[in-house]
Amino acid sequence: MYLGSLVLTLVVAFLKEFRGQALLLLMLVGVQYVAVFWYCLSYIPFARQMAQRLLGRFMSQLEDMD
């Protein structure tokens, strides 16, 4: 995921005739940060499971607000 978004970021950055380039670049950089963060969580025991549970709780609270 990280390497794919890195390559796409470079390709989009060097394309001159692409419209909406800034927004797409920001999204791809965001994907890179999330991928690196997820990879770093793998070094902490049970951190990925904890992050999944926290994200699930956050999403369920957002659904309850509707």
PDB file of N, CA and C in Angstrom:
ATOM      1  N   MET A   1       0.827  -1.179   0.000  1.00  0.00           N
ATOM      2  CA  MET A   1       0.000   0.000   0.000  1.00  0.00           C
ATOM      3  C   MET A   1       0.876   1.249   0.000  1.00  0.00           C
ATOM      4  N   TYR A   2       1.888   1.242   0.845  1.00  0.00           N
ATOM      5  CA  TYR A   2       2.765   2.410   0.934  1.00  0.00           C
ATOM      6  C   TYR A   2       3.528   2.631  -0.374  1.00  0.00           C
ATOM      7  N   LEU A   3       4.124   1.576  -0.880  1.00  0.00           N
ATOM      8  CA  LEU A   3       4.908   1.731  -2.110  1.00  0.00           C
ATOM      9  C   LEU A   3       4.030   2.119  -3.298  1.00  0.00           C
ATOM     10  N   GLY A   4       2.844   1.568  -3.367  1.00  0.00           N
ATOM     11  CA  GLY A   4       1.925   1.924  -4.447  1.00  0.00           C
ATOM     12  C   GLY A   4       1.528   3.391  -4.389  1.00  0.00           C
ATOM     13  N   SER A   5       1.212   3.884  -3.187  1.00  0.00           N
ATOM     14  CA  SER A   5       0.838   5.293  -3.069  1.00  0.00           C
ATOM     15  C   SER A   5       2.039   6.202  -3.294  1.00  0.00           C
ATOM     16  N   LEU A   6       3.226   5.735  -2.949  1.00  0.00           N
ATOM     17  CA  LEU A   6       4.431   6.523  -3.198  1.00  0.00           C
ATOM     18  C   LEU A   6       4.673   6.682  -4.700  1.00  0.00           C
ATOM     19  N   VAL A   7       4.547   5.595  -5.437  1.00  0.00           N
ATOM     20  CA  VAL A   7       4.740   5.649  -6.891  1.00  0.00           C
ATOM     21  C   VAL A   7       3.659   6.521  -7.532  1.00  0.00           C
ATOM     22  N   LEU A   8       2.404   6.341  -7.114  1.00  0.00           N
ATOM     23  CA  LEU A   8       1.323   7.159  -7.668  1.00  0.00           C
ATOM     24  C   LEU A   8       1.511   8.640  -7.346  1.00  0.00           C
ATOM     25  N   THR A   9       2.007   8.941  -6.163  1.00  0.00           N
ATOM     26  CA  THR A   9       2.266  10.328  -5.800  1.00  0.00           C
ATOM     27  C   THR A   9       3.294  10.944  -6.736  1.00  0.00           C
ATOM     28  N   LEU A  10       4.352  10.218  -7.015  1.00  0.00           N
ATOM     29  CA  LEU A  10       5.377  10.733  -7.919  1.00  0.00           C
ATOM     30  C   LEU A  10       4.854  10.896  -9.337  1.00  0.00           C
ATOM     31  N   VAL A  11       4.052   9.935  -9.791  1.00  0.00           N
ATOM     32  CA  VAL A  11       3.503  10.019 -11.148  1.00  0.00           C
ATOM     33  C   VAL A  11       2.573  11.223 -11.271  1.00  0.00           C
ATOM     34  N   VAL A  12       1.681  11.386 -10.301  1.00  0.00           N
ATOM     35  CA  VAL A  12       0.736  12.509 -10.350  1.00  0.00           C
ATOM     36  C   VAL A  12       1.470  13.839 -10.204  1.00  0.00           C
ATOM     37  N   ALA A  13       2.507  13.869  -9.377  1.00  0.00           N
ATOM     38  CA  ALA A  13       3.241  15.115  -9.175  1.00  0.00           C
ATOM     39  C   ALA A  13       3.942  15.574 -10.447  1.00  0.00           C
ATOM     40  N   PHE A  14       4.378  14.658 -11.280  1.00  0.00           N
ATOM     41  CA  PHE A  14       5.107  15.043 -12.477  1.00  0.00           C
ATOM     42  C   PHE A  14       4.211  15.174 -13.708  1.00  0.00           C
ATOM     43  N   LEU A  15       2.925  14.852 -13.593  1.00  0.00           N
ATOM     44  CA  LEU A  15       1.997  15.092 -14.696  1.00  0.00           C
ATOM     45  C   LEU A  15       1.608  16.563 -14.680  1.00  0.00           C
ATOM     46  N   LYS A  16       1.706  17.220 -15.809  1.00  0.00           N
ATOM     47  CA  LYS A  16       1.412  18.649 -15.842  1.00  0.00           C
ATOM     48  C   LYS A  16      -0.024  18.947 -16.257  1.00  0.00           C
ATOM     49  N   GLU A  17      -0.632  18.105 -17.061  1.00  0.00           N
ATOM     50  CA  GLU A  17      -1.955  18.413 -17.587  1.00  0.00           C
ATOM     51  C   GLU A  17      -3.088  17.784 -16.793  1.00  0.00           C
ATOM     52  N   PHE A  18      -2.841  17.306 -15.604  1.00  0.00           N
ATOM     53  CA  PHE A  18      -3.857  16.636 -14.798  1.00  0.00           C
ATOM     54  C   PHE A  18      -4.589  17.655 -13.928  1.00  0.00           C
ATOM     55  N   ARG A  19      -5.917  17.723 -14.041  1.00  0.00           N
ATOM     56  CA  ARG A  19      -6.716  18.639 -13.219  1.00  0.00           C
ATOM     57  C   ARG A  19      -7.049  17.980 -11.883  1.00  0.00           C
ATOM     58  N   GLY A  20      -7.169  18.770 -10.858  1.00  0.00           N
ATOM     59  CA  GLY A  20      -7.453  18.247  -9.532  1.00  0.00           C
ATOM     60  C   GLY A  20      -6.241  17.589  -8.908  1.00  0.00           C
ATOM     61  N   GLN A  21      -5.079  18.005  -9.331  1.00  0.00           N
ATOM     62  CA  GLN A  21      -3.829  17.372  -8.920  1.00  0.00           C
ATOM     63  C   GLN A  21      -3.543  17.577  -7.435  1.00  0.00           C
ATOM     64  N   ALA A  22      -3.800  18.762  -6.915  1.00  0.00           N
ATOM     65  CA  ALA A  22      -3.466  19.060  -5.523  1.00  0.00           C
ATOM     66  C   ALA A  22      -4.275  18.187  -4.559  1.00  0.00           C
ATOM     67  N   LEU A  23      -5.555  18.048  -4.821  1.00  0.00           N
ATOM     68  CA  LEU A  23      -6.395  17.233  -3.940  1.00  0.00           C
ATOM     69  C   LEU A  23      -5.975  15.768  -3.971  1.00  0.00           C
ATOM     70  N   LEU A  24      -5.695  15.261  -5.162  1.00  0.00           N
ATOM     71  CA  LEU A  24      -5.259  13.868  -5.289  1.00  0.00           C
ATOM     72  C   LEU A  24      -3.914  13.653  -4.603  1.00  0.00           C
ATOM     73  N   LEU A  25      -3.009  14.617  -4.724  1.00  0.00           N
ATOM     74  CA  LEU A  25      -1.711  14.497  -4.051  1.00  0.00           C
ATOM     75  C   LEU A  25      -1.875  14.467  -2.538  1.00  0.00           C
ATOM     76  N   LEU A  26      -2.745  15.318  -2.010  1.00  0.00           N
ATOM     77  CA  LEU A  26      -2.983  15.311  -0.563  1.00  0.00           C
ATOM     78  C   LEU A  26      -3.580  13.987  -0.100  1.00  0.00           C
ATOM     79  N   MET A  27      -4.482  13.431  -0.895  1.00  0.00           N
ATOM     80  CA  MET A  27      -5.064  12.136  -0.539  1.00  0.00           C
ATOM     81  C   MET A  27      -4.012  11.036  -0.566  1.00  0.00           C
ATOM     82  N   LEU A  28      -3.142  11.038  -1.572  1.00  0.00           N
ATOM     83  CA  LEU A  28      -2.105  10.011  -1.663  1.00  0.00           C
ATOM     84  C   LEU A  28      -1.088  10.136  -0.533  1.00  0.00           C
ATOM     85  N   VAL A  29      -0.748  11.347  -0.158  1.00  0.00           N
ATOM     86  CA  VAL A  29       0.161  11.536   0.981  1.00  0.00           C
ATOM     87  C   VAL A  29      -0.505  11.063   2.265  1.00  0.00           C
ATOM     88  N   GLY A  30      -1.802  11.307   2.402  1.00  0.00           N
ATOM     89  CA  GLY A  30      -2.546  10.801   3.560  1.00  0.00           C
ATOM     90  C   GLY A  30      -2.530   9.285   3.619  1.00  0.00           C
ATOM     91  N   VAL A  31      -2.693   8.628   2.471  1.00  0.00           N
ATOM     92  CA  VAL A  31      -2.627   7.159   2.419  1.00  0.00           C
ATOM     93  C   VAL A  31      -1.244   6.684   2.845  1.00  0.00           C
ATOM     94  N   GLN A  32      -0.215   7.401   2.439  1.00  0.00           N
ATOM     95  CA  GLN A  32       1.148   7.030   2.837  1.00  0.00           C
ATOM     96  C   GLN A  32       1.305   7.096   4.354  1.00  0.00           C
ATOM     97  N   TYR A  33       0.807   8.168   4.970  1.00  0.00           N
ATOM     98  CA  TYR A  33       0.926   8.301   6.420  1.00  0.00           C
ATOM     99  C   TYR A  33       0.150   7.210   7.153  1.00  0.00           C
ATOM    100  N   VAL A  34      -1.031   6.887   6.674  1.00  0.00           N
ATOM    101  CA  VAL A  34      -1.815   5.830   7.312  1.00  0.00           C
ATOM    102  C   VAL A  34      -1.106   4.482   7.175  1.00  0.00           C
ATOM    103  N   ALA A  35      -0.523   4.221   6.004  1.00  0.00           N
ATOM    104  CA  ALA A  35       0.177   2.947   5.792  1.00  0.00           C
ATOM    105  C   ALA A  35       1.399   2.830   6.699  1.00  0.00           C
ATOM    106  N   VAL A  36       2.146   3.912   6.845  1.00  0.00           N
ATOM    107  CA  VAL A  36       3.324   3.879   7.723  1.00  0.00           C
ATOM    108  C   VAL A  36       2.899   3.729   9.180  1.00  0.00           C
ATOM    109  N   PHE A  37       1.825   4.417   9.569  1.00  0.00           N
ATOM    110  CA  PHE A  37       1.322   4.303  10.931  1.00  0.00           C
ATOM    111  C   PHE A  37       0.893   2.870  11.229  1.00  0.00           C
ATOM    112  N   TRP A  38       0.172   2.255  10.292  1.00  0.00           N
ATOM    113  CA  TRP A  38      -0.283   0.876  10.472  1.00  0.00           C
ATOM    114  C   TRP A  38       0.903  -0.079  10.565  1.00  0.00           C
ATOM    115  N   TYR A  39       1.929   0.178   9.755  1.00  0.00           N
ATOM    116  CA  TYR A  39       3.133  -0.646   9.799  1.00  0.00           C
ATOM    117  C   TYR A  39       3.847  -0.499  11.142  1.00  0.00           C
ATOM    118  N   CYS A  40       3.913   0.717  11.664  1.00  0.00           N
ATOM    119  CA  CYS A  40       4.562   0.938  12.964  1.00  0.00           C
ATOM    120  C   CYS A  40       3.799   0.254  14.092  1.00  0.00           C
ATOM    121  N   LEU A  41       2.482   0.161  13.966  1.00  0.00           N
ATOM    122  CA  LEU A  41       1.697  -0.526  14.994  1.00  0.00           C
ATOM    123  C   LEU A  41       2.034  -2.007  15.090  1.00  0.00           C
ATOM    124  N   SER A  42       2.590  -2.567  14.023  1.00  0.00           N
ATOM    125  CA  SER A  42       2.910  -3.989  14.055  1.00  0.00           C
ATOM    126  C   SER A  42       4.060  -4.304  15.011  1.00  0.00           C
ATOM    127  N   TYR A  43       4.820  -3.299  15.413  1.00  0.00           N
ATOM    128  CA  TYR A  43       5.924  -3.523  16.337  1.00  0.00           C
ATOM    129  C   TYR A  43       5.477  -3.522  17.796  1.00  0.00           C
ATOM    130  N   ILE A  44       4.279  -3.055  18.069  1.00  0.00           N
ATOM    131  CA  ILE A  44       3.754  -3.022  19.428  1.00  0.00           C
ATOM    132  C   ILE A  44       2.781  -4.194  19.566  1.00  0.00           C
ATOM    133  N   PRO A  45       2.992  -5.067  20.551  1.00  0.00           N
ATOM    134  CA  PRO A  45       2.090  -6.223  20.690  1.00  0.00           C
ATOM    135  C   PRO A  45       0.631  -5.793  20.865  1.00  0.00           C
ATOM    136  N   PHE A  46      -0.242  -6.380  20.088  1.00  0.00           N
ATOM    137  CA  PHE A  46      -1.687  -6.170  20.128  1.00  0.00           C
ATOM    138  C   PHE A  46      -2.113  -4.742  19.784  1.00  0.00           C
ATOM    139  N   ALA A  47      -1.238  -3.930  19.217  1.00  0.00           N
ATOM    140  CA  ALA A  47      -1.591  -2.541  18.897  1.00  0.00           C
ATOM    141  C   ALA A  47      -2.569  -2.470  17.729  1.00  0.00           C
ATOM    142  N   ARG A  48      -2.407  -3.358  16.753  1.00  0.00           N
ATOM    143  CA  ARG A  48      -3.337  -3.331  15.622  1.00  0.00           C
ATOM    144  C   ARG A  48      -4.749  -3.705  16.058  1.00  0.00           C
ATOM    145  N   GLN A  49      -4.874  -4.695  16.921  1.00  0.00           N
ATOM    146  CA  GLN A  49      -6.196  -5.086  17.401  1.00  0.00           C
ATOM    147  C   GLN A  49      -6.832  -3.940  18.194  1.00  0.00           C
ATOM    148  N   MET A  50      -6.026  -3.270  19.018  1.00  0.00           N
ATOM    149  CA  MET A  50      -6.538  -2.150  19.792  1.00  0.00           C
ATOM    150  C   MET A  50      -6.975  -1.011  18.873  1.00  0.00           C
ATOM    151  N   ALA A  51      -6.190  -0.726  17.843  1.00  0.00           N
ATOM    152  CA  ALA A  51      -6.543   0.330  16.902  1.00  0.00           C
ATOM    153  C   ALA A  51      -7.827  -0.022  16.147  1.00  0.00           C
ATOM    154  N   GLN A  52      -7.991  -1.292  15.782  1.00  0.00           N
ATOM    155  CA  GLN A  52      -9.213  -1.707  15.088  1.00  0.00           C
ATOM    156  C   GLN A  52     -10.430  -1.551  15.988  1.00  0.00           C
ATOM    157  N   ARG A  53     -10.285  -1.914  17.258  1.00  0.00           N
ATOM    158  CA  ARG A  53     -11.401  -1.760  18.185  1.00  0.00           C
ATOM    159  C   ARG A  53     -11.759  -0.293  18.401  1.00  0.00           C
ATOM    160  N   LEU A  54     -10.738   0.559  18.555  1.00  0.00           N
ATOM    161  CA  LEU A  54     -10.992   1.981  18.745  1.00  0.00           C
ATOM    162  C   LEU A  54     -11.658   2.592  17.517  1.00  0.00           C
ATOM    163  N   LEU A  55     -11.203   2.216  16.347  1.00  0.00           N
ATOM    164  CA  LEU A  55     -11.801   2.725  15.116  1.00  0.00           C
ATOM    165  C   LEU A  55     -13.239   2.232  14.972  1.00  0.00           C
ATOM    166  N   GLY A  56     -13.482   0.982  15.347  1.00  0.00           N
ATOM    167  CA  GLY A  56     -14.842   0.441  15.310  1.00  0.00           C
ATOM    168  C   GLY A  56     -15.779   1.183  16.254  1.00  0.00           C
ATOM    169  N   ARG A  57     -15.293   1.489  17.449  1.00  0.00           N
ATOM    170  CA  ARG A  57     -16.107   2.240  18.401  1.00  0.00           C
ATOM    171  C   ARG A  57     -16.390   3.648  17.892  1.00  0.00           C
ATOM    172  N   PHE A  58     -15.380   4.266  17.314  1.00  0.00           N
ATOM    173  CA  PHE A  58     -15.551   5.611  16.766  1.00  0.00           C
ATOM    174  C   PHE A  58     -16.583   5.618  15.651  1.00  0.00           C
ATOM    175  N   MET A  59     -16.501   4.631  14.761  1.00  0.00           N
ATOM    176  CA  MET A  59     -17.447   4.550  13.649  1.00  0.00           C
ATOM    177  C   MET A  59     -18.868   4.277  14.147  1.00  0.00           C
ATOM    178  N   SER A  60     -19.005   3.441  15.177  1.00  0.00           N
ATOM    179  CA  SER A  60     -20.347   3.157  15.706  1.00  0.00           C
ATOM    180  C   SER A  60     -20.931   4.392  16.371  1.00  0.00           C
ATOM    181  N   GLN A  61     -20.111   5.200  17.009  1.00  0.00           N
ATOM    182  CA  GLN A  61     -20.596   6.445  17.603  1.00  0.00           C
ATOM    183  C   GLN A  61     -21.032   7.435  16.528  1.00  0.00           C
ATOM    184  N   LEU A  62     -20.298   7.451  15.412  1.00  0.00           N
ATOM    185  CA  LEU A  62     -20.692   8.322  14.304  1.00  0.00           C
ATOM    186  C   LEU A  62     -22.025   7.880  13.720  1.00  0.00           C
ATOM    187  N   GLU A  63     -22.248   6.585  13.642  1.00  0.00           N
ATOM    188  CA  GLU A  63     -23.512   6.061  13.121  1.00  0.00           C
ATOM    189  C   GLU A  63     -24.664   6.368  14.072  1.00  0.00           C
ATOM    190  N   ASP A  64     -24.395   6.360  15.388  1.00  0.00           N
ATOM    191  CA  ASP A  64     -25.433   6.656  16.368  1.00  0.00           C
ATOM    192  C   ASP A  64     -25.852   8.126  16.330  1.00  0.00           C
ATOM    193  N   MET A  65     -24.973   8.986  15.860  1.00  0.00           N
ATOM    194  CA  MET A  65     -25.288  10.415  15.793  1.00  0.00           C
ATOM    195  C   MET A  65     -26.318  10.717  14.711  1.00  0.00           C
ATOM    196  N   ASP A  66     -26.438   9.852  13.728  1.00  0.00           N
ATOM    197  CA  ASP A  66     -27.382  10.086  12.624  1.00  0.00           C
ATOM    198  C   ASP A  66     -28.781   9.818  12.995  1.00  0.00           C
TER     199      ASP A  66
END
